[in-house]
Amino acid sequence: MLPLFRFQTAWLLLVAAIVILFYGQLLFTNRFSFLLDKDDANQAYAWSRFTAANIQKGIVPLWDPHTQGGHSFIGEMQTGLFYPLKLPLYLWPLDRSGLPSMRLQHVSYVGAHILAAWFMFFLACEVGLGSFAALVAGLCFSLGGFMGGPVSWGWPHLLDSGIWLPVILLFLMRSLRHTDLLRAILNAALAGLALAMVVLAGGLHVAIM
């Protein structure tokens, strides 16, 4: 069991290294940012700043008084206020201008792509593919198509939601395959938890899919 764990860990580290290299200029230089698009600046980054500023004051921002004469902040699903993986962004100290760290935003973006590749790797292994084929599947899912294209670049909440799709399928398949009722129910519950993460991340369209 331990050699198998080490073997899988080596593949997962390789996947992470490739994703980091792919986004090397985003991570290690100041030449690029996915926050320069109009929607990212006016929505994603602005929501992150508003949430972080309030949470660090001990306030849960349920209401946004700054737009449309005031409206419900949690009524807009895309804000992803309760998405657990965004908590480090909200707790990280703001700079002297009261703005969240753009570097941390970039790290979070690349981290989501690493998780996407890992989750697809596990799903590919579940359906019987070898480790190399699973690596290719994970990288194609994370870096190409819907997840790696302009959709995830322009709307990070869709990326945060999309990474959970392989997890839903993984546990759904395990639930359908198990002959033990309790294990089947447990895996079905885990699939439901992954679907809840899709909703919490704010990707309405991904949740519908």
N, C-alpha and C. Protein backbone atom coordinates (compact mmCIF):
# COMPACT_ATOMS: atom_id res chain seq x y z
N MET A 1 0.83 -1.21 0.00
CA MET A 1 0.00 0.00 0.00
C MET A 1 0.86 1.26 0.00
N LEU A 2 1.93 1.26 0.83
CA LEU A 2 2.80 2.44 0.91
C LEU A 2 3.50 2.72 -0.42
N PRO A 3 4.07 1.71 -1.12
CA PRO A 3 4.68 1.99 -2.44
C PRO A 3 3.68 2.57 -3.43
N LEU A 4 2.41 2.08 -3.37
CA LEU A 4 1.38 2.60 -4.27
C LEU A 4 1.12 4.07 -3.96
N PHE A 5 1.05 4.40 -2.66
CA PHE A 5 0.82 5.79 -2.24
C PHE A 5 1.96 6.69 -2.74
N ARG A 6 3.19 6.20 -2.57
CA ARG A 6 4.35 6.98 -3.03
C ARG A 6 4.31 7.16 -4.55
N PHE A 7 3.90 6.11 -5.25
CA PHE A 7 3.83 6.17 -6.71
C PHE A 7 2.81 7.22 -7.15
N GLN A 8 1.63 7.20 -6.53
CA GLN A 8 0.59 8.17 -6.88
C GLN A 8 1.03 9.57 -6.51
N THR A 9 1.70 9.72 -5.36
CA THR A 9 2.17 11.03 -4.93
C THR A 9 3.15 11.62 -5.93
N ALA A 10 4.03 10.78 -6.47
CA ALA A 10 4.99 11.25 -7.46
C ALA A 10 4.28 11.78 -8.70
N TRP A 11 3.24 11.10 -9.14
CA TRP A 11 2.49 11.57 -10.31
C TRP A 11 1.77 12.88 -10.00
N LEU A 12 1.20 12.99 -8.81
CA LEU A 12 0.49 14.21 -8.43
C LEU A 12 1.45 15.40 -8.35
N LEU A 13 2.65 15.17 -7.83
CA LEU A 13 3.65 16.24 -7.78
C LEU A 13 4.07 16.66 -9.18
N LEU A 14 4.17 15.68 -10.08
CA LEU A 14 4.51 16.00 -11.47
C LEU A 14 3.42 16.84 -12.12
N VAL A 15 2.16 16.48 -11.87
CA VAL A 15 1.03 17.26 -12.39
C VAL A 15 1.11 18.70 -11.89
N ALA A 16 1.33 18.86 -10.58
CA ALA A 16 1.40 20.20 -9.99
C ALA A 16 2.56 21.00 -10.59
N ALA A 17 3.70 20.34 -10.79
CA ALA A 17 4.86 21.03 -11.34
C ALA A 17 4.59 21.52 -12.75
N ILE A 18 3.91 20.71 -13.55
CA ILE A 18 3.60 21.11 -14.93
C ILE A 18 2.65 22.30 -14.95
N VAL A 19 1.64 22.28 -14.09
CA VAL A 19 0.69 23.39 -14.03
C VAL A 19 1.41 24.67 -13.59
N ILE A 20 2.30 24.57 -12.61
CA ILE A 20 3.04 25.74 -12.13
C ILE A 20 3.93 26.29 -13.24
N LEU A 21 4.58 25.41 -13.98
CA LEU A 21 5.41 25.86 -15.10
C LEU A 21 4.57 26.52 -16.18
N PHE A 22 3.39 25.96 -16.42
CA PHE A 22 2.50 26.51 -17.45
C PHE A 22 2.10 27.95 -17.11
N TYR A 23 1.87 28.20 -15.81
CA TYR A 23 1.49 29.54 -15.37
C TYR A 23 2.66 30.28 -14.71
N GLY A 24 3.87 29.92 -15.10
CA GLY A 24 5.06 30.50 -14.49
C GLY A 24 5.12 32.01 -14.59
N GLN A 25 4.76 32.56 -15.75
CA GLN A 25 4.83 34.02 -15.91
C GLN A 25 3.78 34.73 -15.05
N LEU A 26 2.66 34.08 -14.83
CA LEU A 26 1.64 34.66 -13.96
C LEU A 26 2.09 34.64 -12.51
N LEU A 27 2.77 33.56 -12.11
CA LEU A 27 3.18 33.39 -10.72
C LEU A 27 4.45 34.18 -10.37
N PHE A 28 5.42 34.18 -11.29
CA PHE A 28 6.77 34.63 -10.93
C PHE A 28 7.19 35.95 -11.57
N THR A 29 6.31 36.55 -12.35
CA THR A 29 6.63 37.86 -12.94
C THR A 29 5.47 38.81 -12.69
N ASN A 30 5.68 40.07 -13.01
CA ASN A 30 4.62 41.07 -12.90
C ASN A 30 4.10 41.50 -14.27
N ARG A 31 4.35 40.68 -15.27
CA ARG A 31 4.00 41.05 -16.65
C ARG A 31 2.56 40.71 -16.99
N PHE A 32 1.96 39.77 -16.25
CA PHE A 32 0.62 39.30 -16.60
C PHE A 32 -0.26 39.26 -15.36
N SER A 33 -1.56 39.40 -15.59
CA SER A 33 -2.55 39.25 -14.52
C SER A 33 -3.89 38.94 -15.16
N PHE A 34 -4.64 38.01 -14.56
CA PHE A 34 -5.97 37.74 -15.07
C PHE A 34 -6.98 38.75 -14.51
N LEU A 35 -6.51 39.71 -13.72
CA LEU A 35 -7.39 40.70 -13.10
C LEU A 35 -7.46 42.00 -13.89
N LEU A 36 -6.92 42.01 -15.10
CA LEU A 36 -6.91 43.23 -15.90
C LEU A 36 -8.16 43.35 -16.78
N ASP A 37 -8.89 42.26 -16.93
CA ASP A 37 -10.13 42.31 -17.70
C ASP A 37 -11.19 43.12 -16.95
N LYS A 38 -12.10 43.73 -17.69
CA LYS A 38 -13.10 44.60 -17.06
C LYS A 38 -13.93 43.86 -16.02
N ASP A 39 -14.41 42.65 -16.36
CA ASP A 39 -15.24 41.91 -15.42
C ASP A 39 -14.45 41.51 -14.18
N ASP A 40 -13.20 41.13 -14.38
CA ASP A 40 -12.38 40.73 -13.23
C ASP A 40 -12.14 41.90 -12.29
N ALA A 41 -11.81 43.04 -12.85
CA ALA A 41 -11.51 44.22 -12.02
C ALA A 41 -12.77 44.73 -11.32
N ASN A 42 -13.86 44.81 -12.07
CA ASN A 42 -15.09 45.39 -11.53
C ASN A 42 -15.92 44.40 -10.71
N GLN A 43 -15.69 43.10 -10.94
CA GLN A 43 -16.45 42.09 -10.22
C GLN A 43 -15.58 41.29 -9.26
N ALA A 44 -14.77 40.38 -9.81
CA ALA A 44 -14.05 39.41 -8.97
C ALA A 44 -13.15 40.09 -7.94
N TYR A 45 -12.31 41.01 -8.40
CA TYR A 45 -11.38 41.66 -7.49
C TYR A 45 -12.11 42.60 -6.54
N ALA A 46 -13.13 43.29 -7.06
CA ALA A 46 -13.91 44.20 -6.20
C ALA A 46 -14.66 43.42 -5.13
N TRP A 47 -15.25 42.29 -5.49
CA TRP A 47 -15.95 41.47 -4.50
C TRP A 47 -14.97 40.95 -3.46
N SER A 48 -13.78 40.53 -3.90
CA SER A 48 -12.77 40.02 -2.97
C SER A 48 -12.34 41.11 -1.99
N ARG A 49 -12.15 42.31 -2.49
CA ARG A 49 -11.74 43.43 -1.63
C ARG A 49 -12.84 43.76 -0.63
N PHE A 50 -14.08 43.83 -1.10
CA PHE A 50 -15.21 44.17 -0.22
C PHE A 50 -15.36 43.11 0.88
N THR A 51 -15.27 41.83 0.50
CA THR A 51 -15.42 40.75 1.47
C THR A 51 -14.28 40.76 2.48
N ALA A 52 -13.04 40.86 1.99
CA ALA A 52 -11.88 40.84 2.88
C ALA A 52 -11.92 42.00 3.87
N ALA A 53 -12.25 43.19 3.37
CA ALA A 53 -12.27 44.37 4.24
C ALA A 53 -13.29 44.21 5.36
N ASN A 54 -14.43 43.62 5.06
CA ASN A 54 -15.48 43.44 6.06
C ASN A 54 -15.16 42.32 7.04
N ILE A 55 -14.71 41.18 6.51
CA ILE A 55 -14.42 40.05 7.38
C ILE A 55 -13.30 40.39 8.35
N GLN A 56 -12.31 41.13 7.89
CA GLN A 56 -11.21 41.50 8.79
C GLN A 56 -11.64 42.52 9.84
N LYS A 57 -12.82 43.08 9.67
CA LYS A 57 -13.40 43.94 10.71
C LYS A 57 -14.39 43.17 11.58
N GLY A 58 -14.53 41.87 11.29
CA GLY A 58 -15.47 41.04 12.05
C GLY A 58 -16.90 41.13 11.56
N ILE A 59 -17.08 41.56 10.33
CA ILE A 59 -18.42 41.73 9.75
C ILE A 59 -18.61 40.72 8.62
N VAL A 60 -19.72 39.98 8.64
CA VAL A 60 -20.07 39.11 7.52
C VAL A 60 -20.85 39.96 6.52
N PRO A 61 -20.31 40.20 5.33
CA PRO A 61 -20.93 41.15 4.40
C PRO A 61 -22.15 40.58 3.68
N LEU A 62 -23.27 40.56 4.37
CA LEU A 62 -24.50 40.07 3.76
C LEU A 62 -25.17 41.11 2.87
N TRP A 63 -24.78 42.38 3.07
CA TRP A 63 -25.41 43.50 2.35
C TRP A 63 -24.33 44.36 1.72
N ASP A 64 -24.54 44.75 0.46
CA ASP A 64 -23.61 45.63 -0.25
C ASP A 64 -24.24 47.01 -0.37
N PRO A 65 -23.74 47.99 0.38
CA PRO A 65 -24.35 49.33 0.34
C PRO A 65 -23.81 50.22 -0.78
N HIS A 66 -22.85 49.72 -1.57
CA HIS A 66 -22.12 50.58 -2.49
C HIS A 66 -22.65 50.56 -3.92
N THR A 67 -23.50 49.63 -4.28
CA THR A 67 -24.01 49.55 -5.65
C THR A 67 -25.52 49.43 -5.65
N GLN A 68 -26.13 49.96 -6.71
CA GLN A 68 -27.58 49.87 -6.92
C GLN A 68 -28.38 50.41 -5.73
N GLY A 69 -27.80 51.39 -5.04
CA GLY A 69 -28.48 51.95 -3.88
C GLY A 69 -28.56 51.00 -2.71
N GLY A 70 -27.72 49.95 -2.74
CA GLY A 70 -27.72 48.93 -1.70
C GLY A 70 -28.50 47.70 -2.15
N HIS A 71 -27.91 46.54 -1.99
CA HIS A 71 -28.61 45.30 -2.34
C HIS A 71 -27.94 44.13 -1.62
N SER A 72 -28.59 42.98 -1.67
CA SER A 72 -28.08 41.79 -0.99
C SER A 72 -26.78 41.32 -1.64
N PHE A 73 -25.73 41.18 -0.84
CA PHE A 73 -24.45 40.69 -1.37
C PHE A 73 -24.50 39.19 -1.59
N ILE A 74 -25.13 38.44 -0.70
CA ILE A 74 -25.22 36.99 -0.86
C ILE A 74 -26.32 36.61 -1.85
N GLY A 75 -27.15 37.59 -2.24
CA GLY A 75 -28.15 37.31 -3.26
C GLY A 75 -27.53 37.12 -4.63
N GLU A 76 -26.30 37.61 -4.80
CA GLU A 76 -25.53 37.41 -6.02
C GLU A 76 -24.67 36.17 -5.82
N MET A 77 -25.06 35.05 -6.41
CA MET A 77 -24.38 33.77 -6.18
C MET A 77 -22.91 33.82 -6.56
N GLN A 78 -22.56 34.62 -7.56
CA GLN A 78 -21.21 34.62 -8.09
C GLN A 78 -20.16 35.17 -7.12
N THR A 79 -20.58 35.87 -6.08
CA THR A 79 -19.62 36.41 -5.12
C THR A 79 -18.88 35.30 -4.38
N GLY A 80 -19.50 34.12 -4.24
CA GLY A 80 -18.84 33.00 -3.59
C GLY A 80 -18.41 33.30 -2.16
N LEU A 81 -19.23 34.05 -1.44
CA LEU A 81 -18.87 34.50 -0.09
C LEU A 81 -18.53 33.34 0.83
N PHE A 82 -19.28 32.23 0.73
CA PHE A 82 -19.13 31.13 1.67
C PHE A 82 -18.30 29.97 1.12
N TYR A 83 -17.57 30.22 0.02
CA TYR A 83 -16.73 29.17 -0.57
C TYR A 83 -15.50 28.99 0.32
N PRO A 84 -15.32 27.81 0.94
CA PRO A 84 -14.24 27.64 1.94
C PRO A 84 -12.84 27.93 1.42
N LEU A 85 -12.57 27.62 0.14
CA LEU A 85 -11.21 27.78 -0.37
C LEU A 85 -10.84 29.25 -0.57
N LYS A 86 -11.80 30.15 -0.45
CA LYS A 86 -11.50 31.58 -0.57
C LYS A 86 -11.13 32.20 0.77
N LEU A 87 -11.26 31.45 1.85
CA LEU A 87 -11.01 32.01 3.17
C LEU A 87 -9.61 32.62 3.30
N PRO A 88 -8.54 31.97 2.78
CA PRO A 88 -7.21 32.62 2.87
C PRO A 88 -7.17 33.98 2.19
N LEU A 89 -7.91 34.14 1.09
CA LEU A 89 -7.94 35.45 0.42
C LEU A 89 -8.59 36.50 1.31
N TYR A 90 -9.59 36.08 2.08
CA TYR A 90 -10.31 37.03 2.91
C TYR A 90 -9.55 37.38 4.19
N LEU A 91 -8.73 36.47 4.67
CA LEU A 91 -8.02 36.70 5.93
C LEU A 91 -6.63 37.29 5.73
N TRP A 92 -6.12 37.26 4.49
CA TRP A 92 -4.79 37.78 4.23
C TRP A 92 -4.78 39.30 4.42
N PRO A 93 -3.78 39.86 5.09
CA PRO A 93 -3.76 41.31 5.34
C PRO A 93 -3.83 42.12 4.05
N LEU A 94 -4.60 43.20 4.10
CA LEU A 94 -4.69 44.11 2.97
C LEU A 94 -3.45 45.00 2.92
N ASP A 95 -3.18 45.55 1.73
CA ASP A 95 -2.02 46.42 1.62
C ASP A 95 -2.34 47.81 2.17
N ARG A 96 -1.41 48.75 2.01
CA ARG A 96 -1.57 50.09 2.59
C ARG A 96 -2.75 50.84 1.98
N SER A 97 -3.13 50.45 0.76
CA SER A 97 -4.27 51.09 0.11
C SER A 97 -5.59 50.39 0.44
N GLY A 98 -5.52 49.36 1.27
CA GLY A 98 -6.73 48.62 1.63
C GLY A 98 -7.17 47.64 0.56
N LEU A 99 -6.22 47.20 -0.28
CA LEU A 99 -6.55 46.28 -1.38
C LEU A 99 -5.97 44.90 -1.11
N PRO A 100 -6.65 43.84 -1.58
CA PRO A 100 -6.12 42.48 -1.42
C PRO A 100 -4.88 42.28 -2.27
N SER A 101 -4.05 41.34 -1.88
CA SER A 101 -2.83 41.02 -2.61
C SER A 101 -3.15 40.41 -3.97
N MET A 102 -2.67 41.06 -5.03
CA MET A 102 -2.86 40.49 -6.36
C MET A 102 -2.05 39.21 -6.52
N ARG A 103 -0.87 39.16 -5.89
CA ARG A 103 -0.04 37.96 -5.95
C ARG A 103 -0.79 36.76 -5.38
N LEU A 104 -1.48 36.97 -4.26
CA LEU A 104 -2.23 35.88 -3.65
C LEU A 104 -3.40 35.47 -4.54
N GLN A 105 -3.99 36.43 -5.23
CA GLN A 105 -5.06 36.10 -6.18
C GLN A 105 -4.52 35.19 -7.27
N HIS A 106 -3.32 35.48 -7.75
CA HIS A 106 -2.71 34.65 -8.79
C HIS A 106 -2.39 33.25 -8.26
N VAL A 107 -1.87 33.18 -7.04
CA VAL A 107 -1.57 31.88 -6.43
C VAL A 107 -2.85 31.06 -6.28
N SER A 108 -3.93 31.70 -5.87
CA SER A 108 -5.21 31.02 -5.72
C SER A 108 -5.71 30.50 -7.07
N TYR A 109 -5.53 31.30 -8.11
CA TYR A 109 -5.95 30.90 -9.46
C TYR A 109 -5.19 29.67 -9.92
N VAL A 110 -3.88 29.67 -9.75
CA VAL A 110 -3.07 28.52 -10.16
C VAL A 110 -3.37 27.31 -9.27
N GLY A 111 -3.59 27.56 -7.98
CA GLY A 111 -3.95 26.47 -7.08
C GLY A 111 -5.23 25.77 -7.50
N ALA A 112 -6.20 26.55 -7.98
CA ALA A 112 -7.45 25.95 -8.48
C ALA A 112 -7.19 25.07 -9.69
N HIS A 113 -6.26 25.49 -10.55
CA HIS A 113 -5.93 24.67 -11.72
C HIS A 113 -5.21 23.39 -11.30
N ILE A 114 -4.39 23.46 -10.27
CA ILE A 114 -3.73 22.25 -9.77
C ILE A 114 -4.78 21.27 -9.24
N LEU A 115 -5.72 21.78 -8.45
CA LEU A 115 -6.79 20.92 -7.94
C LEU A 115 -7.60 20.31 -9.08
N ALA A 116 -7.88 21.11 -10.10
CA ALA A 116 -8.64 20.59 -11.25
C ALA A 116 -7.90 19.42 -11.90
N ALA A 117 -6.60 19.57 -12.08
CA ALA A 117 -5.81 18.50 -12.69
C ALA A 117 -5.77 17.27 -11.79
N TRP A 118 -5.61 17.48 -10.50
CA TRP A 118 -5.59 16.34 -9.56
C TRP A 118 -6.92 15.61 -9.54
N PHE A 119 -8.02 16.35 -9.49
CA PHE A 119 -9.33 15.72 -9.41
C PHE A 119 -9.61 14.90 -10.67
N MET A 120 -9.24 15.44 -11.84
CA MET A 120 -9.45 14.69 -13.07
C MET A 120 -8.52 13.48 -13.13
N PHE A 121 -7.31 13.61 -12.57
CA PHE A 121 -6.39 12.48 -12.49
C PHE A 121 -7.03 11.33 -11.71
N PHE A 122 -7.63 11.64 -10.56
CA PHE A 122 -8.28 10.60 -9.75
C PHE A 122 -9.46 9.98 -10.49
N LEU A 123 -10.24 10.81 -11.20
CA LEU A 123 -11.37 10.28 -11.95
C LEU A 123 -10.91 9.36 -13.07
N ALA A 124 -9.84 9.77 -13.77
CA ALA A 124 -9.30 8.93 -14.85
C ALA A 124 -8.80 7.60 -14.31
N CYS A 125 -8.15 7.62 -13.16
CA CYS A 125 -7.70 6.38 -12.54
C CYS A 125 -8.89 5.51 -12.14
N GLU A 126 -9.97 6.16 -11.70
CA GLU A 126 -11.16 5.42 -11.28
C GLU A 126 -11.79 4.64 -12.44
N VAL A 127 -11.74 5.21 -13.65
CA VAL A 127 -12.34 4.53 -14.80
C VAL A 127 -11.37 3.55 -15.45
N GLY A 128 -10.16 3.41 -14.87
CA GLY A 128 -9.26 2.37 -15.32
C GLY A 128 -8.10 2.82 -16.18
N LEU A 129 -7.89 4.11 -16.33
CA LEU A 129 -6.74 4.57 -17.12
C LEU A 129 -5.46 4.44 -16.32
N GLY A 130 -4.34 4.28 -17.02
CA GLY A 130 -3.04 4.24 -16.37
C GLY A 130 -2.63 5.62 -15.89
N SER A 131 -1.56 5.66 -15.13
CA SER A 131 -1.14 6.93 -14.52
C SER A 131 -0.76 7.98 -15.54
N PHE A 132 -0.07 7.58 -16.62
CA PHE A 132 0.32 8.57 -17.63
C PHE A 132 -0.90 9.11 -18.36
N ALA A 133 -1.84 8.21 -18.70
CA ALA A 133 -3.07 8.65 -19.36
C ALA A 133 -3.87 9.55 -18.44
N ALA A 134 -3.89 9.24 -17.14
CA ALA A 134 -4.59 10.07 -16.17
C ALA A 134 -3.93 11.44 -16.06
N LEU A 135 -2.60 11.48 -16.13
CA LEU A 135 -1.88 12.76 -16.12
C LEU A 135 -2.28 13.62 -17.30
N VAL A 136 -2.32 13.01 -18.48
CA VAL A 136 -2.72 13.75 -19.69
C VAL A 136 -4.16 14.25 -19.56
N ALA A 137 -5.04 13.39 -19.04
CA ALA A 137 -6.44 13.78 -18.87
C ALA A 137 -6.54 14.96 -17.90
N GLY A 138 -5.80 14.89 -16.80
CA GLY A 138 -5.84 15.97 -15.82
C GLY A 138 -5.35 17.29 -16.38
N LEU A 139 -4.26 17.25 -17.13
CA LEU A 139 -3.70 18.48 -17.71
C LEU A 139 -4.61 19.05 -18.79
N CYS A 140 -5.20 18.17 -19.60
CA CYS A 140 -6.12 18.66 -20.65
C CYS A 140 -7.34 19.32 -20.03
N PHE A 141 -7.86 18.73 -18.96
CA PHE A 141 -9.03 19.30 -18.29
C PHE A 141 -8.69 20.64 -17.65
N SER A 142 -7.54 20.71 -16.98
CA SER A 142 -7.18 21.90 -16.21
C SER A 142 -6.71 23.05 -17.09
N LEU A 143 -5.92 22.75 -18.11
CA LEU A 143 -5.25 23.80 -18.87
C LEU A 143 -5.90 24.11 -20.21
N GLY A 144 -6.83 23.29 -20.64
CA GLY A 144 -7.44 23.49 -21.95
C GLY A 144 -8.95 23.63 -21.86
N GLY A 145 -9.56 23.87 -23.00
CA GLY A 145 -11.01 23.89 -23.08
C GLY A 145 -11.67 24.89 -22.15
N PHE A 146 -12.76 24.45 -21.53
CA PHE A 146 -13.56 25.32 -20.67
C PHE A 146 -12.76 25.83 -19.48
N MET A 147 -12.01 24.96 -18.84
CA MET A 147 -11.31 25.34 -17.61
C MET A 147 -10.10 26.24 -17.86
N GLY A 148 -9.43 26.04 -18.99
CA GLY A 148 -8.22 26.81 -19.24
C GLY A 148 -8.40 27.96 -20.20
N GLY A 149 -9.61 28.10 -20.75
CA GLY A 149 -9.85 29.12 -21.76
C GLY A 149 -10.29 30.45 -21.18
N PRO A 150 -10.83 31.30 -22.03
CA PRO A 150 -11.19 32.66 -21.61
C PRO A 150 -12.32 32.70 -20.59
N VAL A 151 -13.11 31.62 -20.49
CA VAL A 151 -14.20 31.61 -19.50
C VAL A 151 -13.64 31.66 -18.09
N SER A 152 -12.70 30.75 -17.78
CA SER A 152 -12.13 30.74 -16.43
C SER A 152 -11.22 31.94 -16.21
N TRP A 153 -10.60 32.44 -17.29
CA TRP A 153 -9.72 33.61 -17.18
C TRP A 153 -10.54 34.86 -16.87
N GLY A 154 -11.74 34.93 -17.46
CA GLY A 154 -12.56 36.13 -17.27
C GLY A 154 -13.46 36.07 -16.05
N TRP A 155 -13.84 34.85 -15.63
CA TRP A 155 -14.75 34.70 -14.50
C TRP A 155 -14.23 33.61 -13.57
N PRO A 156 -13.40 33.98 -12.57
CA PRO A 156 -12.78 32.98 -11.69
C PRO A 156 -13.77 32.09 -10.96
N HIS A 157 -14.99 32.60 -10.70
CA HIS A 157 -15.96 31.77 -9.99
C HIS A 157 -16.35 30.53 -10.80
N LEU A 158 -16.31 30.63 -12.13
CA LEU A 158 -16.59 29.46 -12.96
C LEU A 158 -15.47 28.43 -12.84
N LEU A 159 -14.23 28.91 -12.73
CA LEU A 159 -13.11 28.01 -12.51
C LEU A 159 -13.25 27.32 -11.16
N ASP A 160 -13.54 28.09 -10.11
CA ASP A 160 -13.67 27.52 -8.77
C ASP A 160 -14.77 26.47 -8.72
N SER A 161 -15.83 26.67 -9.47
CA SER A 161 -16.92 25.69 -9.50
C SER A 161 -16.57 24.49 -10.37
N GLY A 162 -15.95 24.76 -11.52
CA GLY A 162 -15.69 23.70 -12.48
C GLY A 162 -14.74 22.62 -12.00
N ILE A 163 -13.84 22.97 -11.07
CA ILE A 163 -12.86 21.97 -10.62
C ILE A 163 -13.52 20.81 -9.89
N TRP A 164 -14.76 21.00 -9.41
CA TRP A 164 -15.42 19.96 -8.63
C TRP A 164 -16.21 18.97 -9.48
N LEU A 165 -16.33 19.21 -10.78
CA LEU A 165 -17.09 18.30 -11.64
C LEU A 165 -16.53 16.88 -11.65
N PRO A 166 -15.21 16.69 -11.78
CA PRO A 166 -14.69 15.32 -11.72
C PRO A 166 -14.94 14.64 -10.38
N VAL A 167 -14.94 15.41 -9.29
CA VAL A 167 -15.18 14.83 -7.96
C VAL A 167 -16.61 14.31 -7.86
N ILE A 168 -17.55 15.07 -8.41
CA ILE A 168 -18.95 14.63 -8.41
C ILE A 168 -19.08 13.29 -9.14
N LEU A 169 -18.49 13.22 -10.33
CA LEU A 169 -18.58 11.99 -11.12
C LEU A 169 -17.85 10.83 -10.44
N LEU A 170 -16.71 11.13 -9.82
CA LEU A 170 -15.93 10.10 -9.14
C LEU A 170 -16.75 9.40 -8.06
N PHE A 171 -17.33 10.20 -7.16
CA PHE A 171 -18.07 9.60 -6.06
C PHE A 171 -19.43 9.06 -6.51
N LEU A 172 -20.01 9.64 -7.54
CA LEU A 172 -21.25 9.09 -8.09
C LEU A 172 -21.00 7.69 -8.65
N MET A 173 -19.92 7.52 -9.40
CA MET A 173 -19.58 6.20 -9.95
C MET A 173 -19.31 5.20 -8.84
N ARG A 174 -18.60 5.62 -7.82
CA ARG A 174 -18.33 4.71 -6.69
C ARG A 174 -19.61 4.32 -5.99
N SER A 175 -20.52 5.28 -5.86
CA SER A 175 -21.80 4.98 -5.21
C SER A 175 -22.61 3.95 -6.01
N LEU A 176 -22.61 4.08 -7.31
CA LEU A 176 -23.37 3.16 -8.15
C LEU A 176 -22.74 1.77 -8.21
N ARG A 177 -21.43 1.71 -8.01
CA ARG A 177 -20.73 0.43 -8.11
C ARG A 177 -20.75 -0.38 -6.82
N HIS A 178 -20.87 0.30 -5.68
CA HIS A 178 -20.75 -0.39 -4.40
C HIS A 178 -21.95 -1.29 -4.15
N THR A 179 -21.69 -2.50 -3.71
CA THR A 179 -22.76 -3.40 -3.31
C THR A 179 -23.14 -3.20 -1.85
N ASP A 180 -22.22 -2.64 -1.08
CA ASP A 180 -22.48 -2.34 0.33
C ASP A 180 -23.30 -1.05 0.41
N LEU A 181 -24.48 -1.13 1.01
CA LEU A 181 -25.40 0.00 1.03
C LEU A 181 -24.82 1.21 1.74
N LEU A 182 -24.17 1.00 2.89
CA LEU A 182 -23.63 2.12 3.64
C LEU A 182 -22.53 2.84 2.86
N ARG A 183 -21.66 2.06 2.20
CA ARG A 183 -20.60 2.69 1.39
C ARG A 183 -21.19 3.44 0.20
N ALA A 184 -22.24 2.87 -0.38
CA ALA A 184 -22.89 3.54 -1.50
C ALA A 184 -23.49 4.87 -1.05
N ILE A 185 -24.13 4.88 0.12
CA ILE A 185 -24.73 6.11 0.64
C ILE A 185 -23.65 7.13 0.97
N LEU A 186 -22.52 6.66 1.56
CA LEU A 186 -21.42 7.56 1.88
C LEU A 186 -20.88 8.23 0.63
N ASN A 187 -20.65 7.45 -0.42
CA ASN A 187 -20.13 8.02 -1.66
C ASN A 187 -21.13 8.95 -2.33
N ALA A 188 -22.43 8.62 -2.22
CA ALA A 188 -23.45 9.52 -2.76
C ALA A 188 -23.45 10.84 -2.00
N ALA A 189 -23.25 10.76 -0.68
CA ALA A 189 -23.19 11.98 0.14
C ALA A 189 -21.97 12.82 -0.23
N LEU A 190 -20.84 12.16 -0.50
CA LEU A 190 -19.64 12.90 -0.91
C LEU A 190 -19.83 13.57 -2.27
N ALA A 191 -20.56 12.90 -3.17
CA ALA A 191 -20.88 13.52 -4.46
C ALA A 191 -21.75 14.74 -4.25
N GLY A 192 -22.70 14.64 -3.31
CA GLY A 192 -23.55 15.79 -2.99
C GLY A 192 -22.75 16.92 -2.37
N LEU A 193 -21.75 16.58 -1.53
CA LEU A 193 -20.89 17.60 -0.94
C LEU A 193 -20.10 18.34 -2.01
N ALA A 194 -19.60 17.58 -3.01
CA ALA A 194 -18.87 18.21 -4.11
C ALA A 194 -19.78 19.14 -4.91
N LEU A 195 -21.04 18.72 -5.09
CA LEU A 195 -22.00 19.58 -5.78
C LEU A 195 -22.27 20.84 -4.96
N ALA A 196 -22.30 20.70 -3.64
CA ALA A 196 -22.47 21.88 -2.78
C ALA A 196 -21.31 22.85 -2.94
N MET A 197 -20.09 22.32 -3.11
CA MET A 197 -18.93 23.18 -3.33
C MET A 197 -19.06 23.95 -4.64
N VAL A 198 -19.65 23.32 -5.65
CA VAL A 198 -19.91 24.01 -6.92
C VAL A 198 -20.82 25.21 -6.68
N VAL A 199 -21.87 25.00 -5.89
CA VAL A 199 -22.82 26.08 -5.61
C VAL A 199 -22.16 27.18 -4.77
N LEU A 200 -21.42 26.80 -3.74
CA LEU A 200 -20.78 27.78 -2.87
C LEU A 200 -19.74 28.61 -3.62
N ALA A 201 -19.08 28.00 -4.61
CA ALA A 201 -18.07 28.73 -5.38
C ALA A 201 -18.69 29.79 -6.27
N GLY A 202 -19.99 29.67 -6.56
CA GLY A 202 -20.68 30.74 -7.27
C GLY A 202 -20.91 30.51 -8.75
N GLY A 203 -20.52 29.35 -9.28
CA GLY A 203 -20.69 29.09 -10.71
C GLY A 203 -22.07 28.57 -11.03
N LEU A 204 -23.02 29.45 -11.21
CA LEU A 204 -24.42 29.05 -11.46
C LEU A 204 -24.52 28.12 -12.66
N HIS A 205 -23.84 28.48 -13.76
CA HIS A 205 -23.93 27.68 -14.98
C HIS A 205 -23.33 26.30 -14.78
N VAL A 206 -22.25 26.21 -14.01
CA VAL A 206 -21.63 24.91 -13.73
C VAL A 206 -22.56 24.07 -12.87
N ALA A 207 -23.22 24.69 -11.90
CA ALA A 207 -24.17 23.96 -11.06
C ALA A 207 -25.32 23.40 -11.88
N ILE A 208 -25.79 24.15 -12.84
CA ILE A 208 -26.86 23.67 -13.71
C ILE A 208 -26.39 22.49 -14.54
N MET A 209 -25.15 22.57 -15.05
CA MET A 209 -24.61 21.44 -15.82
C MET A 209 -24.53 20.19 -14.98
